[in-house]
C-alpha atoms as a PDB file:
ATOM      1  CA  MET A   1      31.457 114.551 105.545  1.00  0.00           C
ATOM      2  CA  ARG A   2      33.632 111.783 106.981  1.00  0.00           C
ATOM      3  CA  VAL A   3      36.500 114.081 107.878  1.00  0.00           C
ATOM      4  CA  LEU A   4      34.293 116.642 109.533  1.00  0.00           C
ATOM      5  CA  TRP A   5      32.834 114.316 112.119  1.00  0.00           C
ATOM      6  CA  THR A   6      36.083 112.588 113.064  1.00  0.00           C
ATOM      7  CA  VAL A   7      36.579 115.351 115.626  1.00  0.00           C
ATOM      8  CA  THR A   8      34.963 113.213 118.285  1.00  0.00           C
ATOM      9  CA  GLY A   9      37.239 110.374 117.214  1.00  0.00           C
ATOM     10  CA  ILE A  10      40.237 112.668 117.649  1.00  0.00           C
ATOM     11  CA  LEU A  11      39.084 113.519 121.160  1.00  0.00           C
ATOM     12  CA  ALA A  12      38.178 109.944 121.985  1.00  0.00           C
ATOM     13  CA  ALA A  13      41.581 108.730 120.801  1.00  0.00           C
ATOM     14  CA  THR A  14      43.434 110.772 123.409  1.00  0.00           C
ATOM     15  CA  PRO A  15      45.186 108.893 126.263  1.00  0.00           C
ATOM     16  CA  LEU A  16      42.101 109.374 128.417  1.00  0.00           C
ATOM     17  CA  ILE A  17      40.267 106.531 126.726  1.00  0.00           C
ATOM     18  CA  SER A  18      40.758 103.781 124.232  1.00  0.00           C
ATOM     19  CA  CYS A  19      37.473 103.814 122.309  1.00  0.00           C
ATOM     20  CA  GLY A  20      37.546 104.482 118.691  1.00  0.00           C
ATOM     21  CA  TRP A  21      35.203 111.326 116.553  1.00  0.00           C
ATOM     22  CA  ALA A  22      31.853 129.516 103.679  1.00  0.00           C
ATOM     23  CA  SER A  23      29.832 128.452 101.137  1.00  0.00           C
ATOM     24  CA  CYS A  24      31.305 128.705  97.660  1.00  0.00           C
ATOM     25  CA  GLY A  25      29.753 129.792  94.408  1.00  0.00           C
ATOM     26  CA  PHE A  26      27.185 127.030  94.192  1.00  0.00           C
ATOM     27  CA  ALA A  27      24.846 128.765  96.650  1.00  0.00           C
ATOM     28  CA  GLN A  28      23.785 132.364  96.342  1.00  0.00           C
ATOM     29  CA  SER A  29      24.732 134.426  99.393  1.00  0.00           C
ATOM     30  CA  VAL A  30      21.234 135.742 100.024  1.00  0.00           C
ATOM     31  CA  GLN A  31      20.249 137.107 103.413  1.00  0.00           C
ATOM     32  CA  PRO A  32      17.839 134.494 104.809  1.00  0.00           C
ATOM     33  CA  THR A  33      14.421 135.354 106.108  1.00  0.00           C
ATOM     34  CA  GLN A  34      13.444 134.508 109.659  1.00  0.00           C
ATOM     35  CA  PRO A  35      12.966 130.715 109.887  1.00  0.00           C
ATOM     36  CA  LEU A  36       9.462 129.434 110.454  1.00  0.00           C
ATOM     37  CA  MET A  37      10.519 126.416 112.521  1.00  0.00           C
ATOM     38  CA  PRO A  38      12.039 126.001 115.995  1.00  0.00           C
ATOM     39  CA  ALA A  39      15.844 125.951 116.092  1.00  0.00           C
ATOM     40  CA  GLY A  40      15.898 122.334 117.211  1.00  0.00           C
ATOM     41  CA  GLN A  41      13.765 121.273 114.241  1.00  0.00           C
ATOM     42  CA  LEU A  42      16.124 123.074 111.852  1.00  0.00           C
ATOM     43  CA  VAL A  43      19.053 121.148 113.310  1.00  0.00           C
ATOM     44  CA  ARG A  44      17.112 117.913 112.923  1.00  0.00           C
ATOM     45  CA  GLU A  45      16.575 118.643 109.219  1.00  0.00           C
ATOM     46  CA  VAL A  46      20.249 119.578 108.803  1.00  0.00           C
ATOM     47  CA  VAL A  47      21.243 116.248 110.334  1.00  0.00           C
ATOM     48  CA  TYR A  48      18.914 114.432 107.956  1.00  0.00           C
ATOM     49  CA  ASN A  49      20.556 116.164 104.983  1.00  0.00           C
ATOM     50  CA  GLU A  50      24.064 115.455 106.251  1.00  0.00           C
ATOM     51  CA  LEU A  51      23.272 111.779 106.812  1.00  0.00           C
ATOM     52  CA  HIS A  52      21.764 111.534 103.346  1.00  0.00           C
ATOM     53  CA  ASP A  53      24.937 113.104 101.931  1.00  0.00           C
ATOM     54  CA  HIS A  54      27.015 110.667 103.957  1.00  0.00           C
ATOM     55  CA  GLN A  55      25.187 107.725 102.412  1.00  0.00           C
ATOM     56  CA  SER A  56      25.262 108.988  98.815  1.00  0.00           C
ATOM     57  CA  HIS A  57      28.290 111.271  98.721  1.00  0.00           C
ATOM     58  CA  GLY A  58      30.597 111.593  95.734  1.00  0.00           C
ATOM     59  CA  TYR A  59      34.336 110.972  95.807  1.00  0.00           C
ATOM     60  CA  TRP A  60      36.863 113.768  95.719  1.00  0.00           C
ATOM     61  CA  ARG A  61      40.506 114.667  95.473  1.00  0.00           C
ATOM     62  CA  TYR A  62      41.939 117.675  97.282  1.00  0.00           C
ATOM     63  CA  TRP A  63      44.981 118.981  99.091  1.00  0.00           C
ATOM     64  CA  VAL A  64      45.404 118.860 102.852  1.00  0.00           C
ATOM     65  CA  GLU A  65      47.724 121.197 104.751  1.00  0.00           C
ATOM     66  CA  ARG A  66      48.478 120.146 108.325  1.00  0.00           C
ATOM     67  CA  HIS A  67      50.086 122.645 110.674  1.00  0.00           C
ATOM     68  CA  THR A  68      52.033 121.623 113.785  1.00  0.00           C
ATOM     69  CA  ALA A  69      54.541 123.380 116.009  1.00  0.00           C
ATOM     70  CA  LYS A  70      57.249 121.394 114.221  1.00  0.00           C
ATOM     71  CA  GLU A  71      56.300 121.772 110.554  1.00  0.00           C
ATOM     72  CA  THR A  72      53.616 122.260 107.914  1.00  0.00           C
ATOM     73  CA  ARG A  73      52.868 119.243 105.715  1.00  0.00           C
ATOM     74  CA  HIS A  74      51.072 119.519 102.389  1.00  0.00           C
ATOM     75  CA  GLU A  75      49.508 116.324 101.028  1.00  0.00           C
ATOM     76  CA  GLU A  76      47.464 115.364  98.001  1.00  0.00           C
ATOM     77  CA  GLN A  77      44.567 113.073  98.933  1.00  0.00           C
ATOM     78  CA  ILE A  78      42.066 110.993  96.969  1.00  0.00           C
ATOM     79  CA  GLU A  79      38.964 109.306  98.339  1.00  0.00           C
ATOM     80  CA  THR A  80      38.351 105.711  97.267  1.00  0.00           C
ATOM     81  CA  ALA A  81      35.728 103.116  98.150  1.00  0.00           C
ATOM     82  CA  GLU A  82      38.354 101.451 100.359  1.00  0.00           C
ATOM     83  CA  GLY A  83      39.382 104.604 102.191  1.00  0.00           C
ATOM     84  CA  PRO A  84      41.452 107.690 101.372  1.00  0.00           C
ATOM     85  CA  VAL A  85      45.030 107.564 100.085  1.00  0.00           C
ATOM     86  CA  SER A  86      47.479 110.441 100.355  1.00  0.00           C
ATOM     87  CA  TRP A  87      50.876 111.550  99.056  1.00  0.00           C
ATOM     88  CA  LEU A  88      53.163 114.008 100.859  1.00  0.00           C
ATOM     89  CA  THR A  89      54.341 116.708  98.430  1.00  0.00           C
ATOM     90  CA  LEU A  90      55.578 119.701 100.462  1.00  0.00           C
ATOM     91  CA  THR A  91      57.111 120.303 103.876  1.00  0.00           C
ATOM     92  CA  ASP A  92      57.188 123.906 105.112  1.00  0.00           C
ATOM     93  CA  GLY A  93      56.403 125.028 101.565  1.00  0.00           C
ATOM     94  CA  CYS A  94      59.349 123.186  99.975  1.00  0.00           C
ATOM     95  CA  PRO A  95      59.219 120.061  97.784  1.00  0.00           C
ATOM     96  CA  VAL A  96      60.098 116.909  99.683  1.00  0.00           C
ATOM     97  CA  SER A  97      63.468 115.264  99.088  1.00  0.00           C
ATOM     98  CA  VAL A  98      64.065 112.255  96.879  1.00  0.00           C
ATOM     99  CA  GLU A  99      64.414 110.161 100.035  1.00  0.00           C
ATOM    100  CA  VAL A 100      60.980 111.242 101.264  1.00  0.00           C
ATOM    101  CA  GLN A 101      59.477 110.515  97.854  1.00  0.00           C
ATOM    102  CA  GLN A 102      60.916 107.012  98.043  1.00  0.00           C
ATOM    103  CA  GLU A 103      59.490 106.593 101.543  1.00  0.00           C
ATOM    104  CA  GLU A 104      56.055 107.647 100.287  1.00  0.00           C
ATOM    105  CA  GLN A 105      56.349 105.193  97.398  1.00  0.00           C
ATOM    106  CA  SER A 106      57.317 102.391  99.801  1.00  0.00           C
ATOM    107  CA  ARG A 107      54.460 103.232 102.151  1.00  0.00           C
ATOM    108  CA  LEU A 108      51.867 103.075  99.380  1.00  0.00           C
ATOM    109  CA  GLN A 109      53.403  99.926  97.928  1.00  0.00           C
ATOM    110  CA  HIS A 110      53.231  98.252 101.344  1.00  0.00           C
ATOM    111  CA  LEU A 111      49.566  99.193 101.646  1.00  0.00           C
ATOM    112  CA  LEU A 112      48.888  97.819  98.183  1.00  0.00           C
ATOM    113  CA  THR A 113      50.670  94.480  98.717  1.00  0.00           C
ATOM    114  CA  SER A 114      50.009  93.742 102.397  1.00  0.00           C
ATOM    115  CA  PRO A 115      46.634  92.112 103.151  1.00  0.00           C
ATOM    116  CA  ALA A 116      47.121  92.876 106.861  1.00  0.00           C
ATOM    117  CA  GLU A 117      47.769  96.560 106.173  1.00  0.00           C
ATOM    118  CA  GLN A 118      44.797  96.729 103.831  1.00  0.00           C
ATOM    119  CA  ALA A 119      42.592  95.141 106.490  1.00  0.00           C
ATOM    120  CA  ARG A 120      43.768  97.694 109.070  1.00  0.00           C
ATOM    121  CA  HIS A 121      43.216 100.558 106.623  1.00  0.00           C
ATOM    122  CA  GLN A 122      39.713  99.299 105.782  1.00  0.00           C
ATOM    123  CA  GLN A 123      38.835  98.804 109.443  1.00  0.00           C
ATOM    124  CA  GLU A 124      39.874 102.355 110.334  1.00  0.00           C
ATOM    125  CA  TYR A 125      37.832 103.691 107.418  1.00  0.00           C
ATOM    126  CA  GLU A 126      34.733 101.724 108.424  1.00  0.00           C
ATOM    127  CA  GLU A 127      35.069 102.815 112.067  1.00  0.00           C
ATOM    128  CA  ASP A 128      35.228 106.440 110.952  1.00  0.00           C
ATOM    129  CA  GLU A 129      32.105 105.918 108.860  1.00  0.00           C
ATOM    130  CA  LYS A 130      30.203 104.440 111.817  1.00  0.00           C
ATOM    131  CA  ARG A 131      31.397 107.210 114.127  1.00  0.00           C
ATOM    132  CA  ILE A 132      29.979 109.815 111.760  1.00  0.00           C
ATOM    133  CA  GLY A 133      26.517 108.339 112.082  1.00  0.00           C
ATOM    134  CA  ARG A 134      26.751 108.114 115.870  1.00  0.00           C
ATOM    135  CA  VAL A 135      27.862 111.712 116.298  1.00  0.00           C
ATOM    136  CA  LEU A 136      25.286 113.083 113.877  1.00  0.00           C
ATOM    137  CA  ALA A 137      22.581 111.198 115.713  1.00  0.00           C
ATOM    138  CA  LEU A 138      23.509 113.046 118.919  1.00  0.00           C
ATOM    139  CA  LEU A 139      22.994 116.560 117.591  1.00  0.00           C
ATOM    140  CA  PRO A 140      19.193 116.959 117.622  1.00  0.00           C
ATOM    141  CA  ASP A 141      18.654 115.620 121.145  1.00  0.00           C
ATOM    142  CA  ALA A 142      21.939 116.125 123.011  1.00  0.00           C
ATOM    143  CA  PHE A 143      21.799 119.929 122.815  1.00  0.00           C
ATOM    144  CA  LEU A 144      19.407 122.838 123.201  1.00  0.00           C
ATOM    145  CA  TYR A 145      19.418 125.430 120.398  1.00  0.00           C
ATOM    146  CA  ASN A 146      18.450 129.081 120.042  1.00  0.00           C
ATOM    147  CA  TYR A 147      18.611 131.404 117.050  1.00  0.00           C
ATOM    148  CA  ALA A 148      21.288 134.100 117.333  1.00  0.00           C
ATOM    149  CA  GLY A 149      20.996 136.031 114.069  1.00  0.00           C
ATOM    150  CA  GLN A 150      21.840 135.683 110.384  1.00  0.00           C
ATOM    151  CA  GLU A 151      25.195 135.944 108.610  1.00  0.00           C
ATOM    152  CA  ASN A 152      26.096 135.635 104.912  1.00  0.00           C
ATOM    153  CA  GLY A 153      23.092 133.562 103.936  1.00  0.00           C
ATOM    154  CA  SER A 154      23.265 131.382 107.046  1.00  0.00           C
ATOM    155  CA  TYR A 155      21.328 131.062 110.267  1.00  0.00           C
ATOM    156  CA  LYS A 156      23.470 131.335 113.375  1.00  0.00           C
ATOM    157  CA  LEU A 157      22.441 129.215 116.358  1.00  0.00           C
ATOM    158  CA  ILE A 158      23.780 128.961 119.895  1.00  0.00           C
ATOM    159  CA  PHE A 159      23.789 125.510 121.472  1.00  0.00           C
ATOM    160  CA  LYS A 160      24.387 124.124 124.959  1.00  0.00           C
ATOM    161  CA  PRO A 161      24.157 120.641 126.485  1.00  0.00           C
ATOM    162  CA  ASN A 162      20.662 119.326 127.090  1.00  0.00           C
ATOM    163  CA  PRO A 163      20.668 118.403 130.806  1.00  0.00           C
ATOM    164  CA  ASP A 164      18.021 115.729 130.203  1.00  0.00           C
ATOM    165  CA  TYR A 165      20.067 113.870 127.560  1.00  0.00           C
ATOM    166  CA  PRO A 166      21.489 110.542 128.820  1.00  0.00           C
ATOM    167  CA  ALA A 167      25.079 110.487 127.532  1.00  0.00           C
ATOM    168  CA  HIS A 168      26.010 106.890 128.320  1.00  0.00           C
ATOM    169  CA  THR A 169      29.107 106.299 126.176  1.00  0.00           C
ATOM    170  CA  ILE A 170      32.474 108.009 126.564  1.00  0.00           C
ATOM    171  CA  GLU A 171      32.130 109.302 123.015  1.00  0.00           C
ATOM    172  CA  ALA A 172      28.744 110.831 123.827  1.00  0.00           C
ATOM    173  CA  ARG A 173      30.003 112.295 127.108  1.00  0.00           C
ATOM    174  CA  ILE A 174      32.872 114.080 125.355  1.00  0.00           C
ATOM    175  CA  PHE A 175      30.621 115.609 122.731  1.00  0.00           C
ATOM    176  CA  HIS A 176      27.866 116.410 125.231  1.00  0.00           C
ATOM    177  CA  ALA A 177      30.316 118.372 127.402  1.00  0.00           C
ATOM    178  CA  MET A 178      30.565 121.071 124.734  1.00  0.00           C
ATOM    179  CA  GLY A 179      28.617 124.174 123.830  1.00  0.00           C
ATOM    180  CA  GLY A 180      29.054 126.899 121.268  1.00  0.00           C
ATOM    181  CA  GLU A 181      27.733 128.179 117.957  1.00  0.00           C
ATOM    182  CA  ILE A 182      26.617 126.610 114.711  1.00  0.00           C
ATOM    183  CA  TRP A 183      25.962 128.155 111.289  1.00  0.00           C
ATOM    184  CA  VAL A 184      23.479 126.563 108.863  1.00  0.00           C
ATOM    185  CA  ASP A 185      23.108 127.396 105.176  1.00  0.00           C
ATOM    186  CA  ALA A 186      19.571 128.794 104.990  1.00  0.00           C
ATOM    187  CA  ARG A 187      18.843 127.671 101.432  1.00  0.00           C
ATOM    188  CA  MET A 188      20.223 124.125 101.516  1.00  0.00           C
ATOM    189  CA  LYS A 189      20.000 123.445 105.266  1.00  0.00           C
ATOM    190  CA  ARG A 190      23.594 122.236 105.422  1.00  0.00           C
ATOM    191  CA  LEU A 191      26.231 122.725 108.094  1.00  0.00           C
ATOM    192  CA  VAL A 192      28.526 125.658 107.284  1.00  0.00           C
ATOM    193  CA  ARG A 193      30.484 126.091 110.504  1.00  0.00           C
ATOM    194  CA  LEU A 194      30.633 124.698 114.025  1.00  0.00           C
ATOM    195  CA  ASP A 195      32.517 126.302 116.928  1.00  0.00           C
ATOM    196  CA  ALA A 196      32.483 124.351 120.200  1.00  0.00           C
ATOM    197  CA  HIS A 197      34.308 124.471 123.500  1.00  0.00           C
ATOM    198  CA  VAL A 198      34.479 122.280 126.594  1.00  0.00           C
ATOM    199  CA  GLN A 199      32.312 124.106 129.111  1.00  0.00           C
ATOM    200  CA  ASP A 200      33.426 122.312 132.281  1.00  0.00           C
ATOM    201  CA  ASN A 201      36.063 119.823 133.350  1.00  0.00           C
ATOM    202  CA  LEU A 202      34.998 116.347 132.288  1.00  0.00           C
ATOM    203  CA  ASP A 203      36.100 113.580 134.662  1.00  0.00           C
ATOM    204  CA  PHE A 204      36.482 109.890 133.876  1.00  0.00           C
ATOM    205  CA  GLY A 205      36.323 107.446 136.752  1.00  0.00           C
ATOM    206  CA  TYR A 206      35.568 110.287 139.182  1.00  0.00           C
ATOM    207  CA  GLY A 207      38.762 111.974 138.030  1.00  0.00           C
ATOM    208  CA  PHE A 208      41.005 109.069 138.958  1.00  0.00           C
ATOM    209  CA  LEU A 209      41.298 107.751 135.393  1.00  0.00           C
ATOM    210  CA  GLY A 210      41.537 111.126 133.727  1.00  0.00           C
ATOM    211  CA  ARG A 211      40.100 114.526 133.031  1.00  0.00           C
ATOM    212  CA  LEU A 212      39.355 116.679 129.982  1.00  0.00           C
ATOM    213  CA  TYR A 213      40.001 120.274 130.983  1.00  0.00           C
ATOM    214  CA  LYS A 214      37.567 123.145 130.596  1.00  0.00           C
ATOM    215  CA  GLY A 215      38.394 125.601 127.808  1.00  0.00           C
ATOM    216  CA  GLY A 216      39.409 123.158 125.093  1.00  0.00           C
ATOM    217  CA  TRP A 217      37.844 123.963 121.740  1.00  0.00           C
ATOM    218  CA  PHE A 218      37.403 122.867 118.151  1.00  0.00           C
ATOM    219  CA  GLN A 219      36.186 124.483 114.958  1.00  0.00           C
ATOM    220  CA  ILE A 220      34.907 123.052 111.702  1.00  0.00           C
ATOM    221  CA  VAL A 221      34.341 125.094 108.539  1.00  0.00           C
ATOM    222  CA  ARG A 222      32.554 123.563 105.561  1.00  0.00           C
ATOM    223  CA  THR A 223      32.436 124.529 101.904  1.00  0.00           C
ATOM    224  CA  GLN A 224      30.170 123.485  99.058  1.00  0.00           C
ATOM    225  CA  ALA A 225      32.248 121.418  96.635  1.00  0.00           C
ATOM    226  CA  GLY A 226      29.436 120.353  94.296  1.00  0.00           C
ATOM    227  CA  PRO A 227      25.691 120.751  93.833  1.00  0.00           C
ATOM    228  CA  ASN A 228      24.975 118.419  96.757  1.00  0.00           C
ATOM    229  CA  ASP A 229      28.404 117.771  98.266  1.00  0.00           C
ATOM    230  CA  TRP A 230      29.900 119.737 101.154  1.00  0.00           C
ATOM    231  CA  LYS A 231      33.451 119.200 102.323  1.00  0.00           C
ATOM    232  CA  THR A 232      35.557 120.244 105.299  1.00  0.00           C
ATOM    233  CA  ALA A 233      37.696 123.266 104.500  1.00  0.00           C
ATOM    234  CA  ARG A 234      39.141 123.819 107.975  1.00  0.00           C
ATOM    235  CA  LEU A 235      39.520 121.765 111.144  1.00  0.00           C
ATOM    236  CA  GLU A 236      40.916 122.995 114.463  1.00  0.00           C
ATOM    237  CA  VAL A 237      41.176 120.865 117.629  1.00  0.00           C
ATOM    238  CA  HIS A 238      42.872 122.267 120.739  1.00  0.00           C
ATOM    239  CA  ILE A 239      42.325 120.388 123.982  1.00  0.00           C
ATOM    240  CA  MET A 240      44.227 119.577 127.145  1.00  0.00           C
ATOM    241  CA  GLY A 241      43.692 116.894 129.749  1.00  0.00           C
ATOM    242  CA  ARG A 242      45.178 114.323 132.061  1.00  0.00           C
ATOM    243  CA  ALA A 243      45.304 110.531 131.809  1.00  0.00           C
ATOM    244  CA  LEU A 244      45.999 109.046 135.251  1.00  0.00           C
ATOM    245  CA  VAL A 245      49.022 111.132 136.317  1.00  0.00           C
ATOM    246  CA  LYS A 246      50.218 112.170 132.851  1.00  0.00           C
ATOM    247  CA  SER A 247      49.110 115.418 131.212  1.00  0.00           C
ATOM    248  CA  PHE A 248      48.554 115.663 127.475  1.00  0.00           C
ATOM    249  CA  ALA A 249      47.601 118.186 124.820  1.00  0.00           C
ATOM    250  CA  LYS A 250      45.954 117.517 121.465  1.00  0.00           C
ATOM    251  CA  GLU A 251      46.602 120.110 118.786  1.00  0.00           C
ATOM    252  CA  THR A 252      45.234 119.706 115.259  1.00  0.00           C
ATOM    253  CA  SER A 253      45.140 122.409 112.593  1.00  0.00           C
ATOM    254  CA  GLU A 254      44.159 121.481 109.038  1.00  0.00           C
ATOM    255  CA  GLU A 255      43.101 123.269 105.885  1.00  0.00           C
ATOM    256  CA  ARG A 256      41.705 121.623 102.757  1.00  0.00           C
ATOM    257  CA  GLY A 257      41.022 122.907  99.270  1.00  0.00           C
ATOM    258  CA  GLY A 258      41.212 122.325  95.534  1.00  0.00           C
ATOM    259  CA  PHE A 259      38.253 119.940  95.603  1.00  0.00           C
ATOM    260  CA  ALA A 260      37.744 118.066  92.338  1.00  0.00           C
ATOM    261  CA  PRO A 261      35.490 115.041  91.712  1.00  0.00           C
ATOM    262  CA  VAL A 262      36.971 111.643  90.905  1.00  0.00           C
ATOM    263  CA  PRO A 263      35.274 108.478  89.607  1.00  0.00           C
ATOM    264  CA  ALA A 264      33.138 106.739  92.201  1.00  0.00           C
ATOM    265  CA  GLY A 265      34.040 103.266  93.414  1.00  0.00           C
ATOM    266  CA  MET A 266      37.796 103.405  92.785  1.00  0.00           C
ATOM    267  CA  ASN A 267      39.845 100.905  94.769  1.00  0.00           C
ATOM    268  CA  LEU A 268      43.114 101.638  96.558  1.00  0.00           C
ATOM    269  CA  ALA A 269      45.259 100.677  93.566  1.00  0.00           C
ATOM    270  CA  GLN A 270      43.354 103.023  91.252  1.00  0.00           C
ATOM    271  CA  GLY A 271      43.541 105.861  93.760  1.00  0.00           C
ATOM    272  CA  MET A 272      47.290 105.379  94.206  1.00  0.00           C
ATOM    273  CA  ALA A 273      47.816 105.299  90.448  1.00  0.00           C
ATOM    274  CA  MET A 274      45.947 108.586  90.058  1.00  0.00           C
ATOM    275  CA  LEU A 275      48.026 110.189  92.826  1.00  0.00           C
ATOM    276  CA  GLN A 276      51.309 109.021  91.346  1.00  0.00           C
ATOM    277  CA  GLN A 277      50.366 110.087  87.817  1.00  0.00           C
ATOM    278  CA  THR A 278      49.499 113.567  89.034  1.00  0.00           C
ATOM    279  CA  GLU A 279      52.729 113.857  90.995  1.00  0.00           C
ATOM    280  CA  ALA A 280      54.757 112.671  87.995  1.00  0.00           C
ATOM    281  CA  ARG A 281      53.140 115.335  85.791  1.00  0.00           C
ATOM    282  CA  LYS A 282      53.911 118.019  88.371  1.00  0.00           C
ATOM    283  CA  GLN A 283      57.555 116.998  88.570  1.00  0.00           C
ATOM    284  CA  THR A 284      57.856 116.995  84.779  1.00  0.00           C
ATOM    285  CA  ALA A 285      56.282 120.442  84.567  1.00  0.00           C
ATOM    286  CA  THR A 286      58.743 121.891  87.098  1.00  0.00           C
ATOM    287  CA  LYS A 287      61.877 120.543  85.431  1.00  0.00           C
ATOM    288  CA  PRO A 288      63.756 123.090  83.271  1.00  0.00           C
ATOM    289  CA  ALA A 289      63.463 122.449  79.568  1.00  0.00           C
ATOM    290  CA  LEU A 290      66.619 121.269  77.819  1.00  0.00           C
ATOM    291  CA  ILE A 291      67.977 123.579  75.104  1.00  0.00           C
ATOM    292  CA  THR A 292      69.571 121.986  72.056  1.00  0.00           C
ATOM    293  CA  PRO A 293      72.784 123.455  70.567  1.00  0.00           C
ATOM    294  CA  SER A 294      70.879 124.668  67.499  1.00  0.00           C
ATOM    295  CA  GLU A 295      68.321 126.505  69.666  1.00  0.00           C
ATOM    296  CA  LEU A 296      71.138 128.060  71.672  1.00  0.00           C
ATOM    297  CA  ALA A 297      72.808 129.275  68.472  1.00  0.00           C
ATOM    298  CA  LEU A 298      69.569 130.902  67.290  1.00  0.00           C
ATOM    299  CA  ARG A 299      69.231 132.783  70.578  1.00  0.00           C
ATOM    300  CA  ARG A 300      72.682 134.381  70.219  1.00  0.00           C
END
């Protein structure tokens, strides 16, 4: 869940401000019946389930593919109790060079041996965790919801900002400026997909400090990785704005897959060791087998 709700951290980390935001085979794709509760109450129960998952989630390894205008990066990532660790394996579909492998090794070694770097890594992880709770807490009250049909075992809801909600923080103002659609798994009451867009220009300091432009959008797609664990399978963030007199654009496009559970409570060193062992096995498997002279003679 932590990755999903860092969208607001991505938006809040733009130059505008300096504050720190398809179900799989586990659930049967059964057409849901008409819900018996108001749309807002359903969202409130979904938030409860997501927060419970956030507090008692498992730990996972998976691949992450990040697309930019410059390149596509494929990383292997493992979640640990001290934050995620990752290893770059492919660039534009090709294995990384020996030099890049050495850079990755040096980066992980620095994280493992530098108390200052570990403290920074842990602080970022904890801030992400806190942000998740703050953003989830906004959903039931910051928006108004209406049912808009049923799709593939999910309820589809339309949401728009609640004009009576007091969005006091910059983080809350950014999120509250959006409207869109949300899909909820009818059987498990879990978030399946969220499409949101900035409905109007959002000014900071009456527009003198900056502005988030109307039309920006983001999308989150979730997948069921285990009996009670849901993970982010796709993340899209596309926004434009202005900070003082400088324009900026934030473009994020990520896909994730290959989810597999790992032991809970691993530390950074254990996570790194697992990453490196897996990468070493992959490299060994891709190397051509050596043929002895006797084997060559038998083949002739």
